[in-house]
């Protein structure tokens, strides 16, 4: 009895099919990871925006840009009625979905009292898609 093996053409066909399947899986997975990063960033922006508004309601002042978001976890000097324990459930300021610090701006061009933003996947101003900047003033 003769043992029959695979021909080179059959092996190449199997490898091509596996490569195509892997490409489809990776493409779908990468899109979901980026979507998740945007969702996490938007949720953090909403949480931080609310915490800054609560800080303002309690103290009567907006955090200045030099203090930034640290006022949410550490009481700044010269502020009265600061909430015991701070304004976040954690002892650290959350980071955006790409692991970077959020940017706090007082009196931005939008005319709002403040904005908290992430520069998106590319870590540069502007951009489209996953590279677009995300702002607390328009986070859904």
N, C-alpha and C. Protein backbone atom coordinates (compact mmCIF):
# COMPACT_ATOMS: atom_id res chain seq x y z
N UNK A 1 0.83 -1.16 0.00
CA UNK A 1 0.00 0.00 0.00
C UNK A 1 0.88 1.24 0.00
N UNK A 2 0.52 2.16 -0.80
CA UNK A 2 1.29 3.37 -0.98
C UNK A 2 0.72 4.50 -0.13
N UNK A 3 1.55 5.20 0.61
CA UNK A 3 1.10 6.35 1.40
C UNK A 3 1.08 7.57 0.49
N UNK A 4 -0.02 8.27 0.48
CA UNK A 4 -0.15 9.44 -0.38
C UNK A 4 -0.02 10.70 0.46
N UNK A 5 0.78 11.65 0.07
CA UNK A 5 0.96 12.92 0.76
C UNK A 5 0.27 14.05 0.01
N UNK A 6 0.40 15.25 0.54
CA UNK A 6 -0.18 16.42 -0.12
C UNK A 6 0.80 16.95 -1.16
N UNK A 7 0.26 17.43 -2.24
CA UNK A 7 1.12 18.04 -3.24
C UNK A 7 1.41 19.47 -2.83
N UNK A 8 2.38 20.06 -3.46
CA UNK A 8 2.75 21.44 -3.15
C UNK A 8 1.60 22.39 -3.48
N UNK A 9 0.86 22.13 -4.55
CA UNK A 9 -0.28 22.97 -4.93
C UNK A 9 -1.36 22.92 -3.85
N UNK A 10 -1.64 21.75 -3.32
CA UNK A 10 -2.65 21.61 -2.26
C UNK A 10 -2.22 22.36 -1.00
N UNK A 11 -0.94 22.25 -0.64
CA UNK A 11 -0.45 22.96 0.54
C UNK A 11 -0.53 24.47 0.35
N UNK A 12 -0.19 24.94 -0.83
CA UNK A 12 -0.25 26.38 -1.11
C UNK A 12 -1.70 26.87 -1.04
N UNK A 13 -2.64 26.09 -1.55
CA UNK A 13 -4.05 26.48 -1.52
C UNK A 13 -4.54 26.61 -0.08
N UNK A 14 -4.15 25.67 0.77
CA UNK A 14 -4.55 25.71 2.18
C UNK A 14 -3.94 26.94 2.86
N UNK A 15 -2.68 27.22 2.59
CA UNK A 15 -2.03 28.38 3.19
C UNK A 15 -2.67 29.69 2.74
N UNK A 16 -3.04 29.78 1.48
CA UNK A 16 -3.70 30.99 0.98
C UNK A 16 -5.06 31.17 1.65
N UNK A 17 -5.82 30.11 1.78
CA UNK A 17 -7.13 30.19 2.43
C UNK A 17 -6.97 30.61 3.89
N UNK A 18 -6.01 30.02 4.60
CA UNK A 18 -5.77 30.40 6.00
C UNK A 18 -5.33 31.86 6.11
N UNK A 19 -4.51 32.32 5.19
CA UNK A 19 -4.08 33.72 5.19
C UNK A 19 -5.25 34.67 4.99
N UNK A 20 -6.15 34.35 4.07
CA UNK A 20 -7.32 35.18 3.83
C UNK A 20 -8.24 35.23 5.05
N UNK A 21 -8.45 34.07 5.67
CA UNK A 21 -9.28 34.03 6.88
C UNK A 21 -8.65 34.86 8.01
N UNK A 22 -7.34 34.75 8.16
CA UNK A 22 -6.65 35.51 9.20
C UNK A 22 -6.78 37.01 8.94
N UNK A 23 -6.68 37.42 7.69
CA UNK A 23 -6.79 38.84 7.36
C UNK A 23 -8.17 39.38 7.71
N UNK A 24 -9.21 38.61 7.42
CA UNK A 24 -10.58 39.03 7.74
C UNK A 24 -10.76 39.15 9.26
N UNK A 25 -10.28 38.18 9.99
CA UNK A 25 -10.41 38.19 11.45
C UNK A 25 -9.65 39.37 12.05
N UNK A 26 -8.43 39.61 11.61
CA UNK A 26 -7.62 40.71 12.14
C UNK A 26 -8.28 42.05 11.82
N UNK A 27 -8.77 42.21 10.60
CA UNK A 27 -9.40 43.48 10.22
C UNK A 27 -10.63 43.76 11.10
N UNK A 28 -11.44 42.74 11.34
CA UNK A 28 -12.63 42.93 12.19
C UNK A 28 -12.24 43.19 13.63
N UNK A 29 -11.22 42.53 14.12
CA UNK A 29 -10.78 42.70 15.50
C UNK A 29 -10.21 44.09 15.72
N UNK A 30 -9.38 44.57 14.81
CA UNK A 30 -8.77 45.89 14.95
C UNK A 30 -9.85 46.97 14.96
N UNK A 31 -10.85 46.87 14.13
CA UNK A 31 -11.95 47.83 14.13
C UNK A 31 -12.69 47.86 15.45
N UNK A 32 -12.88 46.71 16.04
CA UNK A 32 -13.58 46.65 17.33
C UNK A 32 -12.73 47.23 18.45
N UNK A 33 -11.44 47.04 18.41
CA UNK A 33 -10.57 47.61 19.43
C UNK A 33 -10.61 49.13 19.35
N UNK A 34 -10.53 49.67 18.14
CA UNK A 34 -10.60 51.13 17.97
C UNK A 34 -11.95 51.67 18.42
N UNK A 35 -13.03 50.97 18.09
CA UNK A 35 -14.36 51.40 18.54
C UNK A 35 -14.42 51.41 20.07
N UNK A 36 -13.86 50.39 20.70
CA UNK A 36 -13.87 50.32 22.16
C UNK A 36 -13.06 51.46 22.77
N UNK A 37 -11.94 51.80 22.15
CA UNK A 37 -11.13 52.91 22.67
C UNK A 37 -11.89 54.23 22.61
N UNK A 38 -12.62 54.44 21.53
CA UNK A 38 -13.41 55.67 21.40
C UNK A 38 -14.52 55.68 22.46
N UNK A 39 -15.21 54.55 22.65
CA UNK A 39 -16.29 54.48 23.65
C UNK A 39 -15.76 54.73 25.06
N UNK A 40 -14.62 54.13 25.40
CA UNK A 40 -14.03 54.34 26.72
C UNK A 40 -13.65 55.80 26.91
N UNK A 41 -13.09 56.40 25.87
CA UNK A 41 -12.69 57.81 25.94
C UNK A 41 -13.90 58.71 26.14
N UNK A 42 -14.97 58.46 25.40
CA UNK A 42 -16.18 59.28 25.55
C UNK A 42 -16.78 59.13 26.94
N UNK A 43 -16.78 57.91 27.47
CA UNK A 43 -17.32 57.70 28.82
C UNK A 43 -16.48 58.45 29.86
N UNK A 44 -15.17 58.40 29.70
CA UNK A 44 -14.29 59.11 30.63
C UNK A 44 -14.47 60.62 30.51
N UNK A 45 -14.65 61.11 29.29
CA UNK A 45 -14.89 62.54 29.09
C UNK A 45 -16.17 62.99 29.80
N UNK A 46 -17.23 62.18 29.70
CA UNK A 46 -18.48 62.52 30.39
C UNK A 46 -18.28 62.55 31.90
N UNK A 47 -17.58 61.55 32.42
CA UNK A 47 -17.34 61.48 33.86
C UNK A 47 -16.52 62.67 34.34
N UNK A 48 -15.46 63.00 33.63
CA UNK A 48 -14.61 64.12 34.02
C UNK A 48 -15.34 65.46 33.90
N UNK A 49 -16.13 65.61 32.84
CA UNK A 49 -16.89 66.85 32.65
C UNK A 49 -17.85 67.07 33.82
N UNK A 50 -18.56 66.02 34.18
CA UNK A 50 -19.50 66.10 35.31
C UNK A 50 -18.76 66.43 36.60
N UNK A 51 -17.60 65.81 36.81
CA UNK A 51 -16.84 66.07 38.04
C UNK A 51 -16.36 67.52 38.10
N UNK A 52 -15.93 68.09 36.97
CA UNK A 52 -15.49 69.49 36.96
C UNK A 52 -16.67 70.41 37.26
N UNK A 53 -17.83 70.11 36.70
CA UNK A 53 -19.02 70.93 36.98
C UNK A 53 -19.38 70.85 38.46
N UNK A 54 -19.30 69.66 39.05
CA UNK A 54 -19.59 69.51 40.48
C UNK A 54 -18.57 70.29 41.32
N UNK A 55 -17.31 70.24 40.92
CA UNK A 55 -16.27 71.01 41.61
C UNK A 55 -16.64 72.50 41.59
N UNK A 56 -17.05 72.98 40.43
CA UNK A 56 -17.44 74.39 40.30
C UNK A 56 -18.66 74.72 41.16
N UNK A 57 -19.63 73.83 41.19
CA UNK A 57 -20.84 74.07 41.98
C UNK A 57 -20.51 74.16 43.47
N UNK A 58 -19.58 73.31 43.93
CA UNK A 58 -19.22 73.31 45.35
C UNK A 58 -18.32 74.49 45.72
N UNK A 59 -17.35 74.81 44.87
CA UNK A 59 -16.32 75.79 45.24
C UNK A 59 -16.56 77.18 44.66
N UNK A 60 -17.36 77.27 43.61
CA UNK A 60 -17.62 78.56 42.98
C UNK A 60 -16.54 79.00 41.99
N UNK A 61 -15.54 78.16 41.76
CA UNK A 61 -14.48 78.49 40.80
C UNK A 61 -14.25 77.31 39.87
N UNK A 62 -13.75 77.63 38.67
CA UNK A 62 -13.35 76.57 37.74
C UNK A 62 -11.88 76.26 38.01
N UNK A 63 -11.46 75.02 37.84
CA UNK A 63 -10.03 74.74 37.98
C UNK A 63 -9.25 75.55 36.94
N UNK A 64 -8.09 76.08 37.33
CA UNK A 64 -7.30 76.78 36.31
C UNK A 64 -6.48 75.74 35.54
N UNK A 65 -5.92 76.17 34.42
CA UNK A 65 -5.22 75.22 33.54
C UNK A 65 -3.97 74.63 34.18
N UNK A 66 -3.33 75.40 35.08
CA UNK A 66 -2.13 74.86 35.72
C UNK A 66 -2.48 73.72 36.68
N UNK A 67 -3.65 73.82 37.34
CA UNK A 67 -4.11 72.74 38.22
C UNK A 67 -4.66 71.59 37.40
N UNK A 68 -5.38 71.94 36.36
CA UNK A 68 -5.97 70.93 35.50
C UNK A 68 -6.92 70.03 36.25
N UNK A 69 -6.94 68.79 35.86
CA UNK A 69 -7.89 67.82 36.43
C UNK A 69 -7.45 67.26 37.77
N UNK A 70 -6.24 67.59 38.22
CA UNK A 70 -5.78 67.08 39.51
C UNK A 70 -6.65 67.58 40.66
N UNK A 71 -7.35 68.72 40.46
CA UNK A 71 -8.23 69.23 41.51
C UNK A 71 -9.36 68.26 41.81
N UNK A 72 -9.61 67.33 40.92
CA UNK A 72 -10.69 66.37 41.14
C UNK A 72 -10.32 65.30 42.15
N UNK A 73 -9.01 65.14 42.40
CA UNK A 73 -8.57 64.13 43.36
C UNK A 73 -7.72 64.70 44.49
N UNK A 74 -7.22 65.95 44.31
CA UNK A 74 -6.41 66.60 45.35
C UNK A 74 -6.94 68.01 45.59
N UNK A 75 -7.23 68.31 46.84
CA UNK A 75 -7.77 69.63 47.16
C UNK A 75 -6.75 70.73 46.90
N UNK A 76 -7.11 71.71 46.07
CA UNK A 76 -6.17 72.81 45.80
C UNK A 76 -6.18 73.82 46.96
N UNK A 77 -5.13 74.60 47.06
CA UNK A 77 -5.04 75.62 48.10
C UNK A 77 -6.00 76.76 47.81
N UNK A 78 -6.55 77.33 48.86
CA UNK A 78 -7.38 78.52 48.71
C UNK A 78 -8.78 78.27 48.21
N UNK A 79 -9.26 77.05 48.29
CA UNK A 79 -10.61 76.73 47.82
C UNK A 79 -11.44 76.28 49.02
N UNK A 80 -12.66 76.83 49.12
CA UNK A 80 -13.53 76.41 50.22
C UNK A 80 -14.63 75.49 49.69
N UNK A 81 -15.20 74.72 50.57
CA UNK A 81 -16.30 73.78 50.28
C UNK A 81 -15.90 72.63 49.37
N UNK A 82 -14.61 72.27 49.38
CA UNK A 82 -14.14 71.14 48.58
C UNK A 82 -14.73 69.86 49.16
N UNK A 83 -15.22 69.00 48.30
CA UNK A 83 -15.85 67.75 48.74
C UNK A 83 -14.80 66.80 49.33
N UNK A 84 -15.09 66.30 50.53
CA UNK A 84 -14.20 65.34 51.16
C UNK A 84 -14.08 64.10 50.27
N UNK A 85 -12.87 63.72 49.97
CA UNK A 85 -12.64 62.55 49.13
C UNK A 85 -12.51 62.88 47.65
N UNK A 86 -12.73 64.13 47.28
CA UNK A 86 -12.58 64.51 45.88
C UNK A 86 -13.83 64.27 45.06
N UNK A 87 -13.68 64.34 43.75
CA UNK A 87 -14.82 64.30 42.85
C UNK A 87 -14.84 63.08 41.94
N UNK A 88 -13.89 62.18 42.12
CA UNK A 88 -13.86 60.94 41.34
C UNK A 88 -13.88 59.76 42.29
N UNK A 89 -14.36 58.63 41.81
CA UNK A 89 -14.39 57.41 42.62
C UNK A 89 -13.01 56.78 42.74
N UNK A 90 -12.08 57.20 41.88
CA UNK A 90 -10.74 56.63 41.87
C UNK A 90 -9.75 57.64 42.44
N UNK A 91 -8.55 57.18 42.72
CA UNK A 91 -7.51 58.07 43.21
C UNK A 91 -6.60 58.55 42.09
N UNK A 92 -6.88 58.12 40.88
CA UNK A 92 -6.12 58.55 39.70
C UNK A 92 -7.05 59.18 38.68
N UNK A 93 -6.52 60.09 37.90
CA UNK A 93 -7.28 60.68 36.80
C UNK A 93 -7.31 59.65 35.67
N UNK A 94 -8.49 59.33 35.13
CA UNK A 94 -8.52 58.38 34.02
C UNK A 94 -7.74 58.91 32.82
N UNK A 95 -7.29 57.99 31.99
CA UNK A 95 -6.60 58.34 30.75
C UNK A 95 -7.50 57.98 29.58
N UNK A 96 -7.19 58.52 28.42
CA UNK A 96 -8.03 58.22 27.26
C UNK A 96 -7.80 56.77 26.80
N UNK A 97 -8.56 56.36 25.82
CA UNK A 97 -8.51 54.98 25.35
C UNK A 97 -7.17 54.56 24.77
N UNK A 98 -6.31 55.51 24.49
CA UNK A 98 -4.99 55.23 23.94
C UNK A 98 -3.91 55.37 25.01
N UNK A 99 -4.35 55.55 26.27
CA UNK A 99 -3.41 55.60 27.39
C UNK A 99 -2.75 56.94 27.63
N UNK A 100 -3.31 58.00 27.06
CA UNK A 100 -2.72 59.33 27.21
C UNK A 100 -3.57 60.19 28.14
N UNK A 101 -2.93 61.21 28.72
CA UNK A 101 -3.64 62.14 29.60
C UNK A 101 -4.61 63.00 28.79
N UNK A 102 -5.73 63.33 29.42
CA UNK A 102 -6.67 64.26 28.81
C UNK A 102 -6.11 65.68 28.92
N UNK A 103 -6.59 66.55 28.05
CA UNK A 103 -6.18 67.95 28.04
C UNK A 103 -7.34 68.79 28.57
N UNK A 104 -7.06 69.62 29.58
CA UNK A 104 -8.07 70.51 30.16
C UNK A 104 -7.78 71.92 29.70
N UNK A 105 -8.79 72.58 29.12
CA UNK A 105 -8.64 73.97 28.69
C UNK A 105 -9.75 74.82 29.31
N UNK A 106 -9.36 75.92 29.89
CA UNK A 106 -10.31 76.87 30.47
C UNK A 106 -10.63 77.92 29.40
N UNK A 107 -11.91 78.27 29.26
CA UNK A 107 -12.38 79.25 28.28
C UNK A 107 -11.89 78.97 26.85
N UNK A 108 -12.27 77.81 26.30
CA UNK A 108 -11.84 77.48 24.93
C UNK A 108 -12.58 78.35 23.90
N UNK A 109 -12.20 78.21 22.64
CA UNK A 109 -12.80 78.99 21.56
C UNK A 109 -14.30 78.74 21.41
N UNK A 110 -14.79 77.62 21.89
CA UNK A 110 -16.21 77.29 21.74
C UNK A 110 -17.11 78.22 22.54
N UNK A 111 -16.54 78.98 23.47
CA UNK A 111 -17.34 79.86 24.31
C UNK A 111 -17.83 79.20 25.58
N UNK A 112 -17.57 77.92 25.74
CA UNK A 112 -17.95 77.20 26.96
C UNK A 112 -16.95 77.56 28.06
N UNK A 113 -17.32 77.33 29.34
CA UNK A 113 -16.38 77.66 30.42
C UNK A 113 -15.09 76.84 30.37
N UNK A 114 -15.19 75.59 29.91
CA UNK A 114 -14.02 74.71 29.84
C UNK A 114 -14.31 73.58 28.87
N UNK A 115 -13.25 72.87 28.51
CA UNK A 115 -13.38 71.67 27.70
C UNK A 115 -12.28 70.70 28.13
N UNK A 116 -12.62 69.44 28.08
CA UNK A 116 -11.63 68.39 28.30
C UNK A 116 -11.58 67.62 26.99
N UNK A 117 -10.37 67.34 26.51
CA UNK A 117 -10.30 66.68 25.22
C UNK A 117 -9.21 65.62 25.14
N UNK A 118 -9.43 64.73 24.18
CA UNK A 118 -8.46 63.73 23.79
C UNK A 118 -8.13 64.00 22.33
N UNK A 119 -6.88 63.83 21.96
CA UNK A 119 -6.48 64.09 20.58
C UNK A 119 -6.69 62.89 19.66
N UNK A 120 -7.32 61.84 20.15
CA UNK A 120 -7.63 60.69 19.31
C UNK A 120 -6.43 59.77 19.10
N UNK A 121 -6.59 58.84 18.18
CA UNK A 121 -5.58 57.80 17.96
C UNK A 121 -4.23 58.36 17.51
N UNK A 122 -4.24 59.45 16.74
CA UNK A 122 -2.98 59.97 16.19
C UNK A 122 -2.26 60.93 17.14
N UNK A 123 -2.88 61.31 18.26
CA UNK A 123 -2.30 62.21 19.25
C UNK A 123 -1.91 63.56 18.64
N UNK A 124 -2.69 64.00 17.64
CA UNK A 124 -2.47 65.30 17.01
C UNK A 124 -3.81 65.99 16.85
N UNK A 125 -3.81 67.30 16.85
CA UNK A 125 -5.05 68.06 16.70
C UNK A 125 -5.72 67.79 15.36
N UNK A 126 -7.05 67.80 15.37
CA UNK A 126 -7.82 67.56 14.14
C UNK A 126 -7.92 66.08 13.84
N UNK A 127 -8.05 65.76 12.58
CA UNK A 127 -8.12 64.36 12.17
C UNK A 127 -9.55 63.92 11.92
N UNK A 128 -9.67 62.76 11.33
CA UNK A 128 -10.97 62.16 11.03
C UNK A 128 -10.99 60.72 11.50
N UNK A 129 -12.18 60.19 11.64
CA UNK A 129 -12.32 58.79 12.08
C UNK A 129 -11.76 58.61 13.47
N UNK A 130 -10.91 57.60 13.64
CA UNK A 130 -10.33 57.32 14.95
C UNK A 130 -9.29 58.37 15.35
N UNK A 131 -8.81 59.14 14.40
CA UNK A 131 -7.83 60.19 14.68
C UNK A 131 -8.48 61.50 15.13
N UNK A 132 -9.79 61.61 15.04
CA UNK A 132 -10.50 62.85 15.38
C UNK A 132 -10.38 63.15 16.87
N UNK A 133 -10.32 64.46 17.17
CA UNK A 133 -10.30 64.89 18.56
C UNK A 133 -11.67 64.63 19.18
N UNK A 134 -11.68 64.26 20.45
CA UNK A 134 -12.92 64.05 21.19
C UNK A 134 -12.99 65.08 22.31
N UNK A 135 -14.14 65.75 22.43
CA UNK A 135 -14.31 66.83 23.42
C UNK A 135 -15.40 66.48 24.42
N UNK A 136 -15.22 66.90 25.65
CA UNK A 136 -16.21 66.65 26.69
C UNK A 136 -17.50 67.42 26.43
N UNK A 137 -17.40 68.51 25.71
CA UNK A 137 -18.59 69.33 25.46
C UNK A 137 -19.50 68.74 24.40
N UNK A 138 -19.02 67.73 23.67
CA UNK A 138 -19.91 67.10 22.69
C UNK A 138 -19.89 65.59 22.79
N UNK A 139 -19.44 65.04 23.92
CA UNK A 139 -19.44 63.60 24.10
C UNK A 139 -20.87 63.12 24.30
N UNK A 140 -21.27 62.11 23.54
CA UNK A 140 -22.64 61.59 23.61
C UNK A 140 -22.80 60.68 24.79
